[in-house]
N, C-alpha and C. Protein backbone atom coordinates (compact mmCIF):
# COMPACT_ATOMS: atom_id res chain seq x y z
N MET A 1 32.97 136.45 26.24
CA MET A 1 32.89 134.98 25.56
C MET A 1 31.64 134.66 25.48
N LYS A 2 31.16 134.13 24.47
CA LYS A 2 29.85 133.60 23.87
C LYS A 2 29.48 132.39 24.75
N THR A 3 28.17 132.41 24.93
CA THR A 3 27.47 131.28 25.74
C THR A 3 26.60 130.32 24.74
N PHE A 4 26.80 129.24 24.70
CA PHE A 4 25.73 128.20 24.12
C PHE A 4 24.58 128.11 24.77
N ASN A 5 23.81 128.23 24.09
CA ASN A 5 22.03 128.30 24.68
C ASN A 5 21.66 126.36 24.51
N HIS A 6 21.72 125.82 25.11
CA HIS A 6 21.29 124.65 25.10
C HIS A 6 20.07 124.39 25.05
N LYS A 7 19.12 124.79 25.68
CA LYS A 7 17.77 124.90 25.32
C LYS A 7 17.19 125.08 23.80
N ALA A 8 17.96 126.26 23.38
CA ALA A 8 17.52 126.43 22.01
C ALA A 8 17.89 125.91 20.94
N LYS A 9 19.05 125.15 21.43
CA LYS A 9 19.90 124.19 20.33
C LYS A 9 18.53 122.74 20.37
N LEU A 10 18.16 122.42 21.33
CA LEU A 10 17.19 121.19 21.42
C LEU A 10 15.69 121.59 20.87
N THR A 11 15.84 122.64 21.16
CA THR A 11 14.25 123.29 20.49
C THR A 11 14.29 123.32 18.99
N LEU A 12 15.49 123.56 18.44
CA LEU A 12 15.64 123.80 16.85
C LEU A 12 15.31 122.09 16.36
N LEU A 13 15.91 120.96 17.03
CA LEU A 13 16.11 119.53 17.03
C LEU A 13 14.71 119.23 17.00
N GLU A 14 14.23 119.70 17.82
CA GLU A 14 12.66 119.19 18.21
C GLU A 14 11.63 119.90 16.75
N ASP A 15 12.08 120.88 16.46
CA ASP A 15 11.15 121.38 15.39
C ASP A 15 11.67 120.78 13.93
N LEU A 16 12.35 119.77 13.84
CA LEU A 16 12.27 119.05 12.56
C LEU A 16 11.80 117.77 12.51
N GLN A 17 11.35 117.11 11.29
CA GLN A 17 11.05 116.05 11.16
C GLN A 17 11.82 115.05 10.57
N TYR A 18 12.05 113.92 11.13
CA TYR A 18 12.99 112.74 10.74
C TYR A 18 12.35 111.64 9.75
N LYS A 19 13.23 110.99 8.78
CA LYS A 19 12.64 109.76 8.21
C LYS A 19 13.88 108.88 8.31
N LEU A 20 13.77 107.95 8.57
CA LEU A 20 14.78 106.72 8.66
C LEU A 20 14.19 105.30 7.74
N ASP A 21 15.25 104.81 7.34
CA ASP A 21 14.99 103.91 6.13
C ASP A 21 15.83 102.64 6.37
N TYR A 22 15.37 101.90 6.82
CA TYR A 22 16.13 100.40 7.03
C TYR A 22 16.38 99.52 5.75
N SER A 23 15.90 99.87 4.84
CA SER A 23 16.17 98.84 3.72
C SER A 23 16.15 97.48 3.94
N GLY A 24 15.11 97.27 4.58
CA GLY A 24 14.83 95.79 5.02
C GLY A 24 15.63 94.98 6.05
N GLY A 25 16.69 96.09 6.63
CA GLY A 25 18.00 95.21 7.78
C GLY A 25 17.06 95.68 9.26
N ALA A 26 17.94 95.17 10.16
CA ALA A 26 17.74 95.69 11.64
C ALA A 26 18.22 97.06 12.05
N ASN A 27 19.19 97.83 10.80
CA ASN A 27 19.83 98.96 11.50
C ASN A 27 19.44 99.79 10.30
N PRO A 28 19.07 101.19 10.72
CA PRO A 28 19.06 102.13 9.46
C PRO A 28 19.91 102.49 8.63
N ILE A 29 19.57 102.60 7.55
CA ILE A 29 20.58 103.24 6.44
C ILE A 29 20.93 104.44 6.07
N TYR A 30 19.57 105.05 5.87
CA TYR A 30 19.66 106.37 5.50
C TYR A 30 18.87 107.34 6.90
N ILE A 31 19.19 108.07 6.94
CA ILE A 31 18.61 109.18 8.02
C ILE A 31 18.28 110.45 7.32
N GLY A 32 17.32 111.02 7.31
CA GLY A 32 16.70 112.38 6.96
C GLY A 32 16.20 113.16 7.40
N GLN A 33 16.34 114.57 7.56
CA GLN A 33 15.70 115.46 8.18
C GLN A 33 15.51 116.62 7.46
N SER A 34 14.30 117.31 7.87
CA SER A 34 14.02 118.59 7.07
C SER A 34 12.76 119.10 8.04
N TYR A 35 12.52 120.35 7.42
CA TYR A 35 11.42 121.17 8.43
C TYR A 35 9.81 120.22 8.50
N PRO A 36 8.92 120.43 9.44
CA PRO A 36 7.87 119.97 9.49
C PRO A 36 6.77 120.12 8.37
N GLY A 37 6.42 119.12 7.54
CA GLY A 37 5.67 119.06 6.48
C GLY A 37 6.25 119.24 5.33
N ALA A 38 7.19 118.94 5.42
CA ALA A 38 8.08 118.95 3.90
C ALA A 38 8.07 117.54 3.24
N ALA A 39 7.35 118.08 1.76
CA ALA A 39 7.20 116.52 1.31
C ALA A 39 8.48 116.02 1.02
N THR A 40 8.30 114.77 0.70
CA THR A 40 9.58 113.87 0.57
C THR A 40 10.11 113.95 -0.51
N SER A 41 9.31 114.36 -1.87
CA SER A 41 9.83 114.87 -3.31
C SER A 41 10.13 116.22 -3.40
N THR A 42 10.27 117.14 -1.86
CA THR A 42 10.81 118.10 -2.28
C THR A 42 12.53 118.29 -1.94
N ALA A 43 13.50 119.19 -2.35
CA ALA A 43 14.53 119.19 -2.17
C ALA A 43 15.18 120.53 -1.40
N THR A 44 14.42 119.85 0.15
CA THR A 44 14.87 120.30 1.26
C THR A 44 15.15 119.44 2.52
N TRP A 45 16.07 118.01 2.02
CA TRP A 45 16.17 117.51 3.05
C TRP A 45 17.59 117.05 3.27
N GLN A 46 18.25 117.21 4.35
CA GLN A 46 19.51 116.68 4.74
C GLN A 46 19.59 115.12 4.81
N ILE A 47 20.38 114.32 4.15
CA ILE A 47 19.95 112.65 4.06
C ILE A 47 21.37 112.45 4.43
N LYS A 48 21.67 111.37 5.60
CA LYS A 48 22.91 110.70 5.66
C LYS A 48 22.60 109.11 5.23
N LYS A 49 24.08 108.60 4.74
CA LYS A 49 23.75 107.24 4.86
C LYS A 49 24.70 106.69 5.49
N LEU A 50 24.37 105.70 6.63
CA LEU A 50 25.37 104.92 7.45
C LEU A 50 25.77 103.79 7.04
N THR A 51 27.27 103.11 7.11
CA THR A 51 27.61 102.14 6.80
C THR A 51 28.34 101.70 7.96
N TYR A 52 27.80 100.23 8.06
CA TYR A 52 28.33 99.25 9.33
C TYR A 52 29.11 98.24 9.12
N ASP A 53 30.27 97.80 10.35
CA ASP A 53 30.72 96.75 10.14
C ASP A 53 29.96 95.48 10.18
N GLY A 54 30.82 94.21 10.78
CA GLY A 54 29.97 92.91 10.69
C GLY A 54 29.57 92.90 11.95
N ASN A 55 29.77 93.56 12.90
CA ASN A 55 29.19 93.68 14.16
C ASN A 55 28.05 94.55 14.47
N GLY A 56 27.62 95.33 12.95
CA GLY A 56 26.64 96.20 13.53
C GLY A 56 27.03 97.49 14.04
N ASN A 57 28.38 97.85 14.12
CA ASN A 57 28.66 99.18 14.66
C ASN A 57 28.88 100.32 13.33
N VAL A 58 28.43 101.22 13.61
CA VAL A 58 28.29 102.52 12.14
C VAL A 58 29.81 102.57 12.22
N THR A 59 30.38 102.62 11.17
CA THR A 59 31.58 103.25 10.70
C THR A 59 32.18 104.31 9.83
N VAL A 60 30.91 104.46 9.12
CA VAL A 60 30.73 105.85 8.37
C VAL A 60 29.50 106.46 8.09
N VAL A 61 29.69 107.94 8.35
CA VAL A 61 28.26 108.60 8.02
C VAL A 61 28.62 109.52 6.89
N ALA A 62 28.11 109.37 5.86
CA ALA A 62 28.10 110.08 4.56
C ALA A 62 26.94 111.18 4.36
N PHE A 63 27.24 112.10 3.58
CA PHE A 63 26.23 112.84 3.33
C PHE A 63 25.73 112.78 2.15
N ALA A 64 24.55 112.98 1.66
CA ALA A 64 23.90 112.92 0.18
C ALA A 64 24.69 114.00 -0.28
N GLY A 65 25.37 113.89 -1.83
CA GLY A 65 25.87 115.40 -2.08
C GLY A 65 27.62 115.70 -1.91
N GLY A 66 27.62 115.14 -0.84
CA GLY A 66 28.84 115.38 0.06
C GLY A 66 28.89 116.40 0.81
N THR A 67 27.40 117.27 1.25
CA THR A 67 27.70 118.25 1.98
C THR A 67 26.31 118.06 2.96
N PRO A 68 26.41 118.24 3.99
CA PRO A 68 25.26 118.47 4.96
C PRO A 68 23.89 119.41 5.05
N ASP A 69 24.38 120.00 3.52
CA ASP A 69 23.13 121.16 3.42
C ASP A 69 21.70 120.15 3.10
N ALA A 70 20.82 120.98 3.48
CA ALA A 70 19.21 120.23 3.43
C ALA A 70 19.06 120.59 2.21
N ASN A 71 18.99 119.99 0.88
CA ASN A 71 19.15 120.53 -0.49
C ASN A 71 19.16 118.86 -1.09
N GLN A 72 18.57 118.13 -0.96
CA GLN A 72 18.17 116.66 -1.53
C GLN A 72 16.80 116.16 -1.10
N ILE A 73 16.45 115.10 -1.97
CA ILE A 73 14.98 114.63 -2.44
C ILE A 73 14.79 113.29 -1.52
N TRP A 74 14.31 113.20 -0.51
CA TRP A 74 14.52 111.99 0.30
C TRP A 74 14.01 110.96 -0.32
N ASP A 75 12.74 111.25 -1.32
CA ASP A 75 12.61 109.82 -2.50
C ASP A 75 13.79 109.29 -3.24
N ASN A 76 14.68 110.06 -3.46
CA ASN A 76 15.77 109.96 -4.31
C ASN A 76 17.07 109.07 -3.59
N ARG A 77 16.80 109.27 -2.29
CA ARG A 77 18.04 108.81 -1.48
C ARG A 77 18.85 107.24 -1.78
N ALA A 78 18.58 106.38 -2.47
CA ALA A 78 19.02 104.86 -2.94
C ALA A 78 20.01 105.44 -3.81
N THR A 79 19.50 106.43 -4.80
CA THR A 79 20.24 107.00 -6.28
C THR A 79 20.99 107.74 -6.04
N LEU A 80 21.25 108.49 -4.67
CA LEU A 80 22.16 109.86 -4.63
C LEU A 80 23.60 109.43 -4.48
N SER A 81 24.66 110.23 -4.63
CA SER A 81 25.86 109.59 -4.29
C SER A 81 26.14 110.40 -2.75
N TYR A 82 26.97 109.89 -2.19
CA TYR A 82 27.48 110.07 -0.68
C TYR A 82 28.73 110.04 -0.30
N SER A 83 29.18 111.25 0.02
CA SER A 83 30.61 111.28 0.61
C SER A 83 30.67 111.86 2.20
């Protein structure tokens, strides 16, 4: 039986840099993550777009390009397709 090392997972999460874009609202619309020092103009970002209901609850989390791969450009987040 394989065991999961929680500490290793947390270390991996700590090693990423995150970007949030609120687009003028109170809740984040776009969340990006990439390796530390990655330029926002490089295709090394995983980008998620959040959709909210009228009460401010997240109803959809969609990935840029329809995939969780870190191959998007953060600077282009508003014009990318999400699914």
